[in-house]
Amino acid sequence: MSEMANDGWKRRWREGNIGFHQEDVNAQLRQFWPELVPDESAAVLVPLCGKSTDMVWLVRRGHRVVGVELSELAARAFFAENGLRCSERTVDQFLVLESDGIEIWVGDFFALKSEMLPSLTAWYDRAAIVALEPAVRSAYAEQIARLLQREAVGFMLTFDYPAAEREGPPFSVSFADVEAVFGHAFATVQMDCLDLTEGNRWELSRVWKPVVSLRR
């Protein structure tokens, strides 16, 4: 992402403008993940992780979790709010905060290199791709493919709405959009699609939530 976009996300965390953050563990993660990723020892990449409590659920299931987050404020809040004491180290340009099965790499996701990370065989995207401008999606897909091992599996939740009705983020990302940028490297399947139109906070004419699996 551009420096301007990066600064914008950091500012949102400083100002508490984080309506995208969910306090509860995502219901679709609970429902679909165990079947999609039955290996509870799999190391899971969580790009643009914020302070998501979904990471706690993944760790408790047995996974090693590798989160990546631009905002140091968000990363430190995750450990503090979950009562976790973390160690700190520096790897290249990243600050790495770590505690029992979970590490958060603070820095630009696109600057990560696979050799920095453990062997990653799964990834979880709840609100990452929808945070990115459309022009960046192909680079995001290429970076995901570079960081993951062969046979890796992913789980993605997006928002799909008439793009002309509002400016993101979150940006509208349909299942067809996911196929367009990930199809060269992953087999994509829409596992479910929730209708969130009624009472949506943006007053959009339609809001869907595609639930997508991606396999190398």
N, C-alpha and C. Protein backbone atom coordinates (compact mmCIF):
# COMPACT_ATOMS: atom_id res chain seq x y z
N MET A 1 0.84 -1.20 0.00
CA MET A 1 0.00 0.00 0.00
C MET A 1 0.87 1.24 0.00
N SER A 2 0.31 2.37 -0.40
CA SER A 2 1.05 3.62 -0.42
C SER A 2 1.27 4.12 1.00
N GLU A 3 2.27 5.01 1.16
CA GLU A 3 2.51 5.60 2.48
C GLU A 3 1.29 6.36 2.97
N MET A 4 0.57 7.01 2.05
CA MET A 4 -0.62 7.75 2.44
C MET A 4 -1.69 6.82 3.00
N ALA A 5 -1.89 5.68 2.33
CA ALA A 5 -2.87 4.71 2.81
C ALA A 5 -2.44 4.14 4.15
N ASN A 6 -1.15 3.82 4.29
CA ASN A 6 -0.65 3.30 5.56
C ASN A 6 -0.88 4.29 6.70
N ASP A 7 -0.56 5.56 6.45
CA ASP A 7 -0.75 6.59 7.47
C ASP A 7 -2.23 6.73 7.84
N GLY A 8 -3.10 6.56 6.84
CA GLY A 8 -4.53 6.66 7.11
C GLY A 8 -5.02 5.59 8.06
N TRP A 9 -4.52 4.35 7.88
CA TRP A 9 -4.93 3.26 8.77
C TRP A 9 -4.38 3.46 10.18
N LYS A 10 -3.14 3.91 10.28
CA LYS A 10 -2.57 4.18 11.61
C LYS A 10 -3.36 5.27 12.33
N ARG A 11 -3.76 6.28 11.58
CA ARG A 11 -4.54 7.38 12.16
C ARG A 11 -5.89 6.87 12.67
N ARG A 12 -6.49 5.96 11.93
CA ARG A 12 -7.79 5.42 12.37
C ARG A 12 -7.65 4.72 13.72
N TRP A 13 -6.57 4.00 13.92
CA TRP A 13 -6.35 3.34 15.21
C TRP A 13 -6.09 4.36 16.30
N ARG A 14 -5.32 5.39 16.01
CA ARG A 14 -5.06 6.42 17.02
C ARG A 14 -6.34 7.13 17.44
N GLU A 15 -7.21 7.36 16.47
CA GLU A 15 -8.44 8.11 16.74
C GLU A 15 -9.59 7.22 17.21
N GLY A 16 -9.37 5.90 17.23
CA GLY A 16 -10.42 4.97 17.64
C GLY A 16 -11.50 4.79 16.61
N ASN A 17 -11.20 5.12 15.36
CA ASN A 17 -12.17 4.98 14.26
C ASN A 17 -12.05 3.57 13.69
N ILE A 18 -12.51 2.59 14.49
CA ILE A 18 -12.29 1.18 14.15
C ILE A 18 -13.62 0.41 14.18
N GLY A 19 -14.58 0.93 13.44
CA GLY A 19 -15.87 0.25 13.36
C GLY A 19 -15.79 -1.14 12.78
N PHE A 20 -14.68 -1.45 12.10
CA PHE A 20 -14.47 -2.77 11.51
C PHE A 20 -14.11 -3.83 12.56
N HIS A 21 -13.68 -3.40 13.74
CA HIS A 21 -13.27 -4.36 14.77
C HIS A 21 -14.48 -5.03 15.39
N GLN A 22 -14.43 -6.35 15.53
CA GLN A 22 -15.50 -7.12 16.16
C GLN A 22 -15.02 -7.64 17.51
N GLU A 23 -15.84 -7.45 18.53
CA GLU A 23 -15.48 -7.91 19.87
C GLU A 23 -15.57 -9.43 19.98
N ASP A 24 -16.53 -10.03 19.28
CA ASP A 24 -16.77 -11.47 19.41
C ASP A 24 -16.06 -12.24 18.29
N VAL A 25 -15.79 -13.51 18.57
CA VAL A 25 -15.20 -14.38 17.55
C VAL A 25 -16.19 -14.54 16.40
N ASN A 26 -15.70 -14.48 15.19
CA ASN A 26 -16.56 -14.54 14.02
C ASN A 26 -17.30 -15.86 13.92
N ALA A 27 -18.60 -15.79 13.71
CA ALA A 27 -19.45 -16.99 13.68
C ALA A 27 -19.11 -17.90 12.51
N GLN A 28 -18.76 -17.33 11.36
CA GLN A 28 -18.42 -18.16 10.19
C GLN A 28 -17.07 -18.86 10.39
N LEU A 29 -16.17 -18.21 11.10
CA LEU A 29 -14.90 -18.87 11.43
C LEU A 29 -15.17 -20.11 12.26
N ARG A 30 -15.97 -19.98 13.28
CA ARG A 30 -16.32 -21.13 14.13
C ARG A 30 -16.98 -22.24 13.32
N GLN A 31 -17.84 -21.85 12.39
CA GLN A 31 -18.64 -22.83 11.65
C GLN A 31 -17.81 -23.58 10.61
N PHE A 32 -17.00 -22.88 9.83
CA PHE A 32 -16.36 -23.49 8.67
C PHE A 32 -14.91 -23.90 8.88
N TRP A 33 -14.20 -23.21 9.75
CA TRP A 33 -12.76 -23.45 9.87
C TRP A 33 -12.39 -24.88 10.24
N PRO A 34 -13.03 -25.51 11.25
CA PRO A 34 -12.58 -26.85 11.67
C PRO A 34 -12.60 -27.87 10.53
N GLU A 35 -13.57 -27.78 9.65
CA GLU A 35 -13.61 -28.70 8.51
C GLU A 35 -12.61 -28.30 7.43
N LEU A 36 -12.45 -27.00 7.24
CA LEU A 36 -11.56 -26.51 6.19
C LEU A 36 -10.10 -26.74 6.55
N VAL A 37 -9.77 -26.54 7.83
CA VAL A 37 -8.38 -26.72 8.30
C VAL A 37 -8.40 -27.69 9.49
N PRO A 38 -8.53 -28.99 9.22
CA PRO A 38 -8.63 -29.96 10.31
C PRO A 38 -7.34 -30.12 11.11
N ASP A 39 -6.20 -29.77 10.51
CA ASP A 39 -4.91 -29.89 11.20
C ASP A 39 -4.78 -28.75 12.21
N GLU A 40 -4.97 -29.07 13.49
CA GLU A 40 -4.95 -28.04 14.53
C GLU A 40 -3.55 -27.52 14.82
N SER A 41 -2.53 -28.16 14.25
CA SER A 41 -1.16 -27.69 14.46
C SER A 41 -0.70 -26.77 13.33
N ALA A 42 -1.55 -26.54 12.35
CA ALA A 42 -1.16 -25.71 11.20
C ALA A 42 -0.85 -24.29 11.66
N ALA A 43 0.20 -23.71 11.08
CA ALA A 43 0.52 -22.31 11.33
C ALA A 43 -0.31 -21.44 10.40
N VAL A 44 -0.96 -20.41 10.97
CA VAL A 44 -1.96 -19.63 10.25
C VAL A 44 -1.50 -18.18 10.10
N LEU A 45 -1.51 -17.69 8.88
CA LEU A 45 -1.22 -16.29 8.60
C LEU A 45 -2.52 -15.48 8.69
N VAL A 46 -2.47 -14.36 9.43
CA VAL A 46 -3.64 -13.47 9.52
C VAL A 46 -3.19 -12.07 9.10
N PRO A 47 -3.34 -11.74 7.81
CA PRO A 47 -2.92 -10.42 7.34
C PRO A 47 -3.84 -9.31 7.84
N LEU A 48 -3.25 -8.14 8.08
CA LEU A 48 -4.00 -6.96 8.52
C LEU A 48 -4.89 -7.32 9.71
N CYS A 49 -4.27 -7.89 10.73
CA CYS A 49 -5.01 -8.57 11.79
C CYS A 49 -5.65 -7.65 12.82
N GLY A 50 -5.17 -6.40 12.94
CA GLY A 50 -5.71 -5.53 13.98
C GLY A 50 -5.51 -6.15 15.35
N LYS A 51 -6.57 -6.11 16.16
CA LYS A 51 -6.53 -6.75 17.47
C LYS A 51 -7.63 -7.82 17.56
N SER A 52 -7.85 -8.50 16.46
CA SER A 52 -8.96 -9.44 16.32
C SER A 52 -8.92 -10.56 17.36
N THR A 53 -10.05 -10.76 18.03
CA THR A 53 -10.17 -11.88 18.98
C THR A 53 -10.23 -13.23 18.26
N ASP A 54 -10.43 -13.21 16.95
CA ASP A 54 -10.39 -14.46 16.19
C ASP A 54 -9.05 -15.16 16.36
N MET A 55 -7.99 -14.38 16.56
CA MET A 55 -6.67 -14.97 16.73
C MET A 55 -6.58 -15.77 18.03
N VAL A 56 -7.26 -15.31 19.05
CA VAL A 56 -7.29 -16.07 20.31
C VAL A 56 -7.97 -17.40 20.10
N TRP A 57 -9.07 -17.41 19.36
CA TRP A 57 -9.80 -18.65 19.07
C TRP A 57 -8.90 -19.62 18.31
N LEU A 58 -8.15 -19.12 17.34
CA LEU A 58 -7.26 -19.97 16.56
C LEU A 58 -6.15 -20.56 17.43
N VAL A 59 -5.58 -19.75 18.30
CA VAL A 59 -4.52 -20.24 19.20
C VAL A 59 -5.06 -21.30 20.15
N ARG A 60 -6.22 -21.07 20.70
CA ARG A 60 -6.82 -22.03 21.63
C ARG A 60 -7.16 -23.34 20.94
N ARG A 61 -7.37 -23.28 19.66
CA ARG A 61 -7.63 -24.51 18.91
C ARG A 61 -6.34 -25.30 18.68
N GLY A 62 -5.21 -24.67 18.87
CA GLY A 62 -3.93 -25.35 18.73
C GLY A 62 -3.01 -24.77 17.69
N HIS A 63 -3.51 -23.80 16.92
CA HIS A 63 -2.72 -23.23 15.83
C HIS A 63 -1.64 -22.29 16.34
N ARG A 64 -0.55 -22.22 15.61
CA ARG A 64 0.39 -21.12 15.75
C ARG A 64 -0.12 -20.01 14.84
N VAL A 65 -0.23 -18.80 15.36
CA VAL A 65 -0.81 -17.69 14.60
C VAL A 65 0.26 -16.65 14.32
N VAL A 66 0.33 -16.24 13.07
CA VAL A 66 1.24 -15.18 12.65
C VAL A 66 0.40 -14.04 12.09
N GLY A 67 0.18 -13.02 12.91
CA GLY A 67 -0.57 -11.86 12.47
C GLY A 67 0.36 -10.80 11.90
N VAL A 68 -0.17 -9.98 11.01
CA VAL A 68 0.60 -8.86 10.44
C VAL A 68 -0.27 -7.61 10.55
N GLU A 69 0.29 -6.54 11.11
CA GLU A 69 -0.51 -5.35 11.38
C GLU A 69 0.36 -4.09 11.24
N LEU A 70 -0.18 -3.08 10.57
CA LEU A 70 0.53 -1.81 10.40
C LEU A 70 0.68 -1.05 11.71
N SER A 71 -0.36 -1.08 12.52
CA SER A 71 -0.42 -0.23 13.70
C SER A 71 0.16 -0.92 14.93
N GLU A 72 1.22 -0.37 15.48
CA GLU A 72 1.78 -0.90 16.72
C GLU A 72 0.77 -0.75 17.85
N LEU A 73 0.00 0.32 17.83
CA LEU A 73 -1.04 0.54 18.83
C LEU A 73 -2.03 -0.62 18.85
N ALA A 74 -2.47 -1.06 17.67
CA ALA A 74 -3.42 -2.17 17.58
C ALA A 74 -2.79 -3.47 18.07
N ALA A 75 -1.55 -3.72 17.67
CA ALA A 75 -0.88 -4.96 18.07
C ALA A 75 -0.70 -5.03 19.58
N ARG A 76 -0.26 -3.94 20.19
CA ARG A 76 -0.07 -3.93 21.64
C ARG A 76 -1.41 -4.05 22.36
N ALA A 77 -2.45 -3.45 21.79
CA ALA A 77 -3.78 -3.55 22.39
C ALA A 77 -4.27 -4.99 22.41
N PHE A 78 -3.94 -5.75 21.37
CA PHE A 78 -4.36 -7.15 21.34
C PHE A 78 -3.82 -7.90 22.55
N PHE A 79 -2.54 -7.78 22.81
CA PHE A 79 -1.94 -8.52 23.92
C PHE A 79 -2.46 -8.00 25.26
N ALA A 80 -2.57 -6.68 25.40
CA ALA A 80 -3.02 -6.09 26.66
C ALA A 80 -4.46 -6.49 26.97
N GLU A 81 -5.33 -6.41 25.98
CA GLU A 81 -6.75 -6.68 26.20
C GLU A 81 -7.04 -8.15 26.44
N ASN A 82 -6.11 -9.01 26.03
CA ASN A 82 -6.29 -10.45 26.26
C ASN A 82 -5.43 -10.96 27.42
N GLY A 83 -4.85 -10.02 28.17
CA GLY A 83 -4.08 -10.38 29.34
C GLY A 83 -2.83 -11.19 29.04
N LEU A 84 -2.20 -10.92 27.91
CA LEU A 84 -1.03 -11.68 27.48
C LEU A 84 0.23 -10.82 27.58
N ARG A 85 1.23 -11.34 28.26
CA ARG A 85 2.53 -10.67 28.30
C ARG A 85 3.31 -11.09 27.08
N CYS A 86 3.88 -10.14 26.38
CA CYS A 86 4.56 -10.48 25.13
C CYS A 86 6.03 -10.07 25.17
N SER A 87 6.84 -10.85 24.46
CA SER A 87 8.23 -10.50 24.25
C SER A 87 8.33 -9.67 22.98
N GLU A 88 9.47 -9.02 22.79
CA GLU A 88 9.66 -8.17 21.62
C GLU A 88 10.99 -8.49 20.97
N ARG A 89 10.99 -8.46 19.64
CA ARG A 89 12.23 -8.59 18.90
C ARG A 89 12.07 -7.82 17.59
N THR A 90 13.16 -7.57 16.96
CA THR A 90 13.15 -6.86 15.68
C THR A 90 13.70 -7.77 14.59
N VAL A 91 12.97 -7.86 13.50
CA VAL A 91 13.40 -8.62 12.34
C VAL A 91 13.31 -7.69 11.13
N ASP A 92 14.47 -7.36 10.58
CA ASP A 92 14.51 -6.43 9.46
C ASP A 92 13.79 -5.14 9.88
N GLN A 93 12.77 -4.73 9.15
CA GLN A 93 12.05 -3.50 9.49
C GLN A 93 10.82 -3.74 10.37
N PHE A 94 10.62 -4.96 10.84
CA PHE A 94 9.44 -5.31 11.61
C PHE A 94 9.73 -5.40 13.11
N LEU A 95 8.80 -4.91 13.91
CA LEU A 95 8.75 -5.19 15.34
C LEU A 95 7.87 -6.42 15.51
N VAL A 96 8.36 -7.45 16.19
CA VAL A 96 7.60 -8.68 16.37
C VAL A 96 7.24 -8.83 17.85
N LEU A 97 5.96 -8.82 18.14
CA LEU A 97 5.45 -9.04 19.49
C LEU A 97 4.95 -10.48 19.56
N GLU A 98 5.33 -11.20 20.64
CA GLU A 98 5.07 -12.63 20.66
C GLU A 98 4.68 -13.10 22.06
N SER A 99 3.72 -14.02 22.11
CA SER A 99 3.30 -14.64 23.36
C SER A 99 2.64 -15.97 23.07
N ASP A 100 3.13 -17.05 23.67
CA ASP A 100 2.53 -18.38 23.62
C ASP A 100 1.67 -18.66 22.39
N GLY A 101 2.31 -18.98 21.29
CA GLY A 101 1.58 -19.44 20.12
C GLY A 101 1.12 -18.36 19.17
N ILE A 102 1.34 -17.10 19.52
CA ILE A 102 0.92 -16.03 18.62
C ILE A 102 1.99 -14.96 18.52
N GLU A 103 2.24 -14.52 17.30
CA GLU A 103 3.16 -13.42 17.07
C GLU A 103 2.51 -12.44 16.11
N ILE A 104 2.69 -11.16 16.37
CA ILE A 104 2.19 -10.12 15.48
C ILE A 104 3.38 -9.33 14.96
N TRP A 105 3.50 -9.32 13.63
CA TRP A 105 4.55 -8.58 12.95
C TRP A 105 4.03 -7.19 12.63
N VAL A 106 4.62 -6.19 13.23
CA VAL A 106 4.17 -4.81 13.05
C VAL A 106 4.96 -4.18 11.90
N GLY A 107 4.24 -3.87 10.84
CA GLY A 107 4.89 -3.28 9.66
C GLY A 107 4.04 -3.49 8.42
N ASP A 108 4.62 -3.20 7.29
CA ASP A 108 3.92 -3.27 6.01
C ASP A 108 3.86 -4.72 5.52
N PHE A 109 2.66 -5.24 5.39
CA PHE A 109 2.46 -6.62 4.95
C PHE A 109 3.21 -6.93 3.67
N PHE A 110 3.28 -5.98 2.76
CA PHE A 110 3.89 -6.21 1.45
C PHE A 110 5.42 -6.27 1.53
N ALA A 111 5.98 -5.92 2.67
CA ALA A 111 7.43 -5.98 2.84
C ALA A 111 7.90 -7.30 3.45
N LEU A 112 6.96 -8.16 3.84
CA LEU A 112 7.33 -9.45 4.43
C LEU A 112 7.95 -10.37 3.39
N LYS A 113 8.89 -11.20 3.85
CA LYS A 113 9.49 -12.22 3.00
C LYS A 113 9.26 -13.59 3.64
N SER A 114 9.05 -14.60 2.83
CA SER A 114 8.70 -15.92 3.33
C SER A 114 9.77 -16.48 4.26
N GLU A 115 11.05 -16.14 3.99
CA GLU A 115 12.11 -16.69 4.82
C GLU A 115 12.12 -16.12 6.24
N MET A 116 11.39 -15.04 6.48
CA MET A 116 11.27 -14.49 7.82
C MET A 116 10.33 -15.30 8.70
N LEU A 117 9.43 -16.04 8.08
CA LEU A 117 8.27 -16.60 8.77
C LEU A 117 8.37 -18.11 8.92
N PRO A 118 7.59 -18.68 9.86
CA PRO A 118 7.50 -20.13 9.93
C PRO A 118 6.79 -20.69 8.69
N SER A 119 6.76 -21.99 8.56
CA SER A 119 6.08 -22.63 7.45
C SER A 119 4.57 -22.47 7.61
N LEU A 120 3.96 -21.68 6.73
CA LEU A 120 2.54 -21.33 6.84
C LEU A 120 1.71 -22.18 5.89
N THR A 121 0.76 -22.92 6.44
CA THR A 121 -0.07 -23.80 5.61
C THR A 121 -1.55 -23.39 5.60
N ALA A 122 -1.88 -22.28 6.27
CA ALA A 122 -3.25 -21.79 6.27
C ALA A 122 -3.23 -20.28 6.44
N TRP A 123 -4.32 -19.64 5.99
CA TRP A 123 -4.43 -18.19 6.20
C TRP A 123 -5.90 -17.80 6.35
N TYR A 124 -6.11 -16.70 7.06
CA TYR A 124 -7.46 -16.26 7.40
C TYR A 124 -7.57 -14.76 7.11
N ASP A 125 -8.53 -14.42 6.25
CA ASP A 125 -8.76 -13.03 5.86
C ASP A 125 -10.21 -12.68 6.18
N ARG A 126 -10.39 -11.95 7.31
CA ARG A 126 -11.75 -11.51 7.63
C ARG A 126 -12.03 -10.11 7.12
N ALA A 127 -11.06 -9.25 7.18
CA ALA A 127 -11.31 -7.88 6.73
C ALA A 127 -10.07 -7.27 6.11
N ALA A 128 -9.24 -8.10 5.48
CA ALA A 128 -8.00 -7.61 4.89
C ALA A 128 -8.22 -7.14 3.45
N ILE A 129 -8.70 -8.03 2.60
CA ILE A 129 -8.83 -7.66 1.19
C ILE A 129 -9.81 -6.51 1.00
N VAL A 130 -10.84 -6.43 1.84
CA VAL A 130 -11.81 -5.34 1.70
C VAL A 130 -11.25 -4.00 2.17
N ALA A 131 -10.13 -4.04 2.90
CA ALA A 131 -9.48 -2.81 3.35
C ALA A 131 -8.57 -2.22 2.28
N LEU A 132 -8.28 -3.00 1.26
CA LEU A 132 -7.32 -2.60 0.23
C LEU A 132 -8.02 -2.00 -0.99
N GLU A 133 -7.44 -0.96 -1.53
CA GLU A 133 -7.98 -0.39 -2.75
C GLU A 133 -7.91 -1.42 -3.88
N PRO A 134 -8.88 -1.41 -4.79
CA PRO A 134 -8.90 -2.42 -5.86
C PRO A 134 -7.59 -2.56 -6.61
N ALA A 135 -6.88 -1.48 -6.80
CA ALA A 135 -5.63 -1.54 -7.57
C ALA A 135 -4.55 -2.36 -6.87
N VAL A 136 -4.71 -2.61 -5.57
CA VAL A 136 -3.69 -3.31 -4.80
C VAL A 136 -4.00 -4.80 -4.68
N ARG A 137 -5.18 -5.22 -5.09
CA ARG A 137 -5.60 -6.61 -4.83
C ARG A 137 -4.71 -7.65 -5.48
N SER A 138 -4.30 -7.41 -6.71
CA SER A 138 -3.44 -8.39 -7.38
C SER A 138 -2.11 -8.55 -6.65
N ALA A 139 -1.55 -7.44 -6.18
CA ALA A 139 -0.30 -7.50 -5.41
C ALA A 139 -0.51 -8.25 -4.10
N TYR A 140 -1.68 -8.06 -3.50
CA TYR A 140 -2.01 -8.77 -2.26
C TYR A 140 -2.07 -10.28 -2.51
N ALA A 141 -2.74 -10.67 -3.58
CA ALA A 141 -2.84 -12.10 -3.91
C ALA A 141 -1.47 -12.70 -4.18
N GLU A 142 -0.62 -11.95 -4.89
CA GLU A 142 0.73 -12.44 -5.18
C GLU A 142 1.56 -12.59 -3.91
N GLN A 143 1.39 -11.64 -2.97
CA GLN A 143 2.12 -11.72 -1.72
C GLN A 143 1.65 -12.91 -0.87
N ILE A 144 0.34 -13.13 -0.82
CA ILE A 144 -0.20 -14.30 -0.11
C ILE A 144 0.42 -15.58 -0.69
N ALA A 145 0.43 -15.68 -2.01
CA ALA A 145 0.97 -16.88 -2.65
C ALA A 145 2.46 -17.07 -2.33
N ARG A 146 3.19 -15.97 -2.25
CA ARG A 146 4.63 -16.07 -1.93
C ARG A 146 4.87 -16.55 -0.50
N LEU A 147 4.03 -16.12 0.43
CA LEU A 147 4.28 -16.40 1.84
C LEU A 147 3.80 -17.78 2.28
N LEU A 148 2.88 -18.38 1.54
CA LEU A 148 2.29 -19.65 1.95
C LEU A 148 2.98 -20.85 1.30
N GLN A 149 2.90 -21.97 1.99
CA GLN A 149 3.46 -23.22 1.48
C GLN A 149 2.54 -23.82 0.42
N ARG A 150 3.09 -24.75 -0.34
CA ARG A 150 2.27 -25.49 -1.31
C ARG A 150 1.19 -26.25 -0.56
N GLU A 151 0.03 -26.42 -1.17
CA GLU A 151 -1.13 -27.10 -0.57
C GLU A 151 -1.77 -26.29 0.53
N ALA A 152 -1.44 -25.02 0.65
CA ALA A 152 -2.03 -24.19 1.70
C ALA A 152 -3.52 -23.94 1.42
N VAL A 153 -4.25 -23.67 2.49
CA VAL A 153 -5.69 -23.40 2.38
C VAL A 153 -6.01 -22.08 3.05
N GLY A 154 -6.94 -21.33 2.45
CA GLY A 154 -7.33 -20.04 3.00
C GLY A 154 -8.82 -19.95 3.23
N PHE A 155 -9.20 -19.03 4.12
CA PHE A 155 -10.60 -18.77 4.44
C PHE A 155 -10.79 -17.27 4.43
N MET A 156 -11.74 -16.80 3.62
CA MET A 156 -11.91 -15.37 3.40
C MET A 156 -13.36 -14.95 3.54
N LEU A 157 -13.58 -13.81 4.21
CA LEU A 157 -14.90 -13.21 4.34
C LEU A 157 -14.81 -11.80 3.75
N THR A 158 -15.70 -11.48 2.82
CA THR A 158 -15.65 -10.17 2.18
C THR A 158 -17.01 -9.47 2.32
N PHE A 159 -17.09 -8.27 1.75
CA PHE A 159 -18.36 -7.56 1.60
C PHE A 159 -18.58 -7.32 0.12
N ASP A 160 -19.80 -7.55 -0.33
CA ASP A 160 -20.16 -7.36 -1.73
C ASP A 160 -21.37 -6.44 -1.77
N TYR A 161 -21.18 -5.24 -2.32
CA TYR A 161 -22.28 -4.27 -2.42
C TYR A 161 -22.09 -3.47 -3.71
N PRO A 162 -23.11 -2.74 -4.17
CA PRO A 162 -22.94 -1.92 -5.37
C PRO A 162 -21.87 -0.86 -5.14
N ALA A 163 -20.75 -1.00 -5.78
CA ALA A 163 -19.58 -0.17 -5.49
C ALA A 163 -19.84 1.32 -5.73
N ALA A 164 -20.77 1.63 -6.63
CA ALA A 164 -21.05 3.03 -6.93
C ALA A 164 -21.77 3.74 -5.78
N GLU A 165 -22.28 2.98 -4.82
CA GLU A 165 -23.08 3.57 -3.75
C GLU A 165 -22.25 4.13 -2.60
N ARG A 166 -20.97 3.77 -2.50
CA ARG A 166 -20.12 4.36 -1.45
C ARG A 166 -18.66 4.16 -1.80
N GLU A 167 -17.84 4.96 -1.15
CA GLU A 167 -16.40 4.80 -1.29
C GLU A 167 -15.89 4.01 -0.10
N GLY A 168 -15.01 3.03 -0.36
CA GLY A 168 -14.45 2.26 0.73
C GLY A 168 -13.39 3.04 1.47
N PRO A 169 -12.78 2.44 2.46
CA PRO A 169 -13.01 1.06 2.91
C PRO A 169 -14.22 0.95 3.85
N PRO A 170 -14.79 -0.26 4.00
CA PRO A 170 -14.43 -1.45 3.24
C PRO A 170 -14.89 -1.33 1.79
N PHE A 171 -14.05 -1.81 0.90
CA PHE A 171 -14.37 -1.82 -0.51
C PHE A 171 -15.21 -3.05 -0.84
N SER A 172 -16.01 -2.93 -1.88
CA SER A 172 -16.81 -4.07 -2.31
C SER A 172 -15.91 -5.10 -2.98
N VAL A 173 -15.99 -6.35 -2.49
CA VAL A 173 -15.22 -7.45 -3.07
C VAL A 173 -16.17 -8.63 -3.25
N SER A 174 -16.58 -8.89 -4.47
CA SER A 174 -17.49 -10.00 -4.75
C SER A 174 -16.70 -11.30 -4.88
N PHE A 175 -17.43 -12.41 -4.93
CA PHE A 175 -16.75 -13.69 -5.16
C PHE A 175 -16.05 -13.68 -6.52
N ALA A 176 -16.67 -13.03 -7.51
CA ALA A 176 -16.03 -12.93 -8.82
C ALA A 176 -14.73 -12.14 -8.74
N ASP A 177 -14.69 -11.11 -7.89
CA ASP A 177 -13.46 -10.35 -7.69
C ASP A 177 -12.37 -11.24 -7.08
N VAL A 178 -12.75 -12.06 -6.10
CA VAL A 178 -11.79 -12.97 -5.47
C VAL A 178 -11.23 -13.94 -6.52
N GLU A 179 -12.14 -14.51 -7.32
CA GLU A 179 -11.70 -15.42 -8.39
C GLU A 179 -10.73 -14.73 -9.35
N ALA A 180 -11.01 -13.47 -9.67
CA ALA A 180 -10.22 -12.75 -10.66
C ALA A 180 -8.77 -12.57 -10.20
N VAL A 181 -8.56 -12.31 -8.90
CA VAL A 181 -7.19 -12.03 -8.45
C VAL A 181 -6.49 -13.25 -7.87
N PHE A 182 -7.24 -14.24 -7.39
CA PHE A 182 -6.62 -15.41 -6.78
C PHE A 182 -6.69 -16.66 -7.66
N GLY A 183 -7.50 -16.62 -8.72
CA GLY A 183 -7.76 -17.82 -9.50
C GLY A 183 -6.55 -18.44 -10.15
N HIS A 184 -5.50 -17.64 -10.40
CA HIS A 184 -4.30 -18.18 -11.06
C HIS A 184 -3.51 -19.09 -10.12
N ALA A 185 -3.69 -18.92 -8.81
CA ALA A 185 -2.89 -19.68 -7.84
C ALA A 185 -3.73 -20.54 -6.90
N PHE A 186 -5.01 -20.25 -6.80
CA PHE A 186 -5.87 -20.95 -5.85
C PHE A 186 -7.17 -21.40 -6.51
N ALA A 187 -7.68 -22.54 -6.04
CA ALA A 187 -9.04 -22.95 -6.40
C ALA A 187 -9.98 -22.32 -5.40
N THR A 188 -10.92 -21.52 -5.89
CA THR A 188 -11.81 -20.77 -5.00
C THR A 188 -13.21 -21.36 -5.01
N VAL A 189 -13.81 -21.45 -3.83
CA VAL A 189 -15.17 -21.97 -3.69
C VAL A 189 -15.95 -21.04 -2.77
N GLN A 190 -17.14 -20.61 -3.20
CA GLN A 190 -18.02 -19.85 -2.32
C GLN A 190 -18.81 -20.83 -1.46
N MET A 191 -18.49 -20.90 -0.19
CA MET A 191 -19.09 -21.85 0.73
C MET A 191 -20.46 -21.39 1.23
N ASP A 192 -20.65 -20.08 1.28
CA ASP A 192 -21.90 -19.51 1.76
C ASP A 192 -21.92 -18.05 1.34
N CYS A 193 -23.07 -17.41 1.43
CA CYS A 193 -23.18 -15.98 1.17
C CYS A 193 -24.31 -15.44 2.03
N LEU A 194 -23.97 -14.62 3.00
CA LEU A 194 -24.95 -14.08 3.92
C LEU A 194 -25.51 -12.77 3.38
N ASP A 195 -26.80 -12.55 3.58
CA ASP A 195 -27.45 -11.31 3.17
C ASP A 195 -27.51 -10.38 4.38
N LEU A 196 -26.71 -9.31 4.34
CA LEU A 196 -26.63 -8.35 5.45
C LEU A 196 -27.33 -7.04 5.10
N THR A 197 -28.18 -7.07 4.09
CA THR A 197 -28.78 -5.83 3.59
C THR A 197 -29.65 -5.14 4.63
N GLU A 198 -30.51 -5.87 5.28
CA GLU A 198 -31.47 -5.26 6.20
C GLU A 198 -30.75 -4.57 7.36
N GLY A 199 -31.02 -3.28 7.50
CA GLY A 199 -30.46 -2.52 8.61
C GLY A 199 -28.98 -2.24 8.50
N ASN A 200 -28.38 -2.40 7.30
CA ASN A 200 -26.93 -2.17 7.20
C ASN A 200 -26.62 -0.70 7.49
N ARG A 201 -25.49 -0.46 8.18
CA ARG A 201 -25.19 0.87 8.70
C ARG A 201 -24.85 1.89 7.62
N TRP A 202 -24.58 1.41 6.40
CA TRP A 202 -24.28 2.34 5.31
C TRP A 202 -25.53 2.68 4.48
N GLU A 203 -26.64 2.04 4.82
CA GLU A 203 -27.89 2.24 4.09
C GLU A 203 -27.73 1.94 2.60
N LEU A 204 -26.99 0.89 2.31
CA LEU A 204 -26.80 0.45 0.94
C LEU A 204 -27.98 -0.39 0.47
N SER A 205 -28.19 -0.40 -0.84
CA SER A 205 -29.34 -1.14 -1.38
C SER A 205 -29.16 -2.65 -1.25
N ARG A 206 -27.89 -3.11 -1.18
CA ARG A 206 -27.60 -4.53 -1.04
C ARG A 206 -26.23 -4.71 -0.41
N VAL A 207 -26.16 -5.61 0.58
CA VAL A 207 -24.88 -5.99 1.16
C VAL A 207 -24.87 -7.50 1.35
N TRP A 208 -23.96 -8.16 0.69
CA TRP A 208 -23.78 -9.60 0.88
C TRP A 208 -22.42 -9.86 1.52
N LYS A 209 -22.30 -11.01 2.16
CA LYS A 209 -21.05 -11.40 2.80
C LYS A 209 -20.65 -12.77 2.26
N PRO A 210 -19.88 -12.81 1.18
CA PRO A 210 -19.40 -14.09 0.65
C PRO A 210 -18.44 -14.76 1.64
N VAL A 211 -18.58 -16.07 1.75
CA VAL A 211 -17.71 -16.91 2.60
C VAL A 211 -16.95 -17.83 1.64
N VAL A 212 -15.64 -17.66 1.56
CA VAL A 212 -14.88 -18.27 0.47
C VAL A 212 -13.73 -19.12 1.00
N SER A 213 -13.54 -20.28 0.40
CA SER A 213 -12.35 -21.09 0.66
C SER A 213 -11.43 -20.99 -0.54
N LEU A 214 -10.12 -21.06 -0.27
CA LEU A 214 -9.11 -20.96 -1.33
C LEU A 214 -8.06 -22.03 -1.07
N ARG A 215 -7.79 -22.87 -2.07
CA ARG A 215 -6.80 -23.93 -1.93
C ARG A 215 -5.77 -23.82 -3.05
N ARG A 216 -4.49 -24.05 -2.69
CA ARG A 216 -3.42 -24.02 -3.69
C ARG A 216 -3.65 -25.14 -4.71
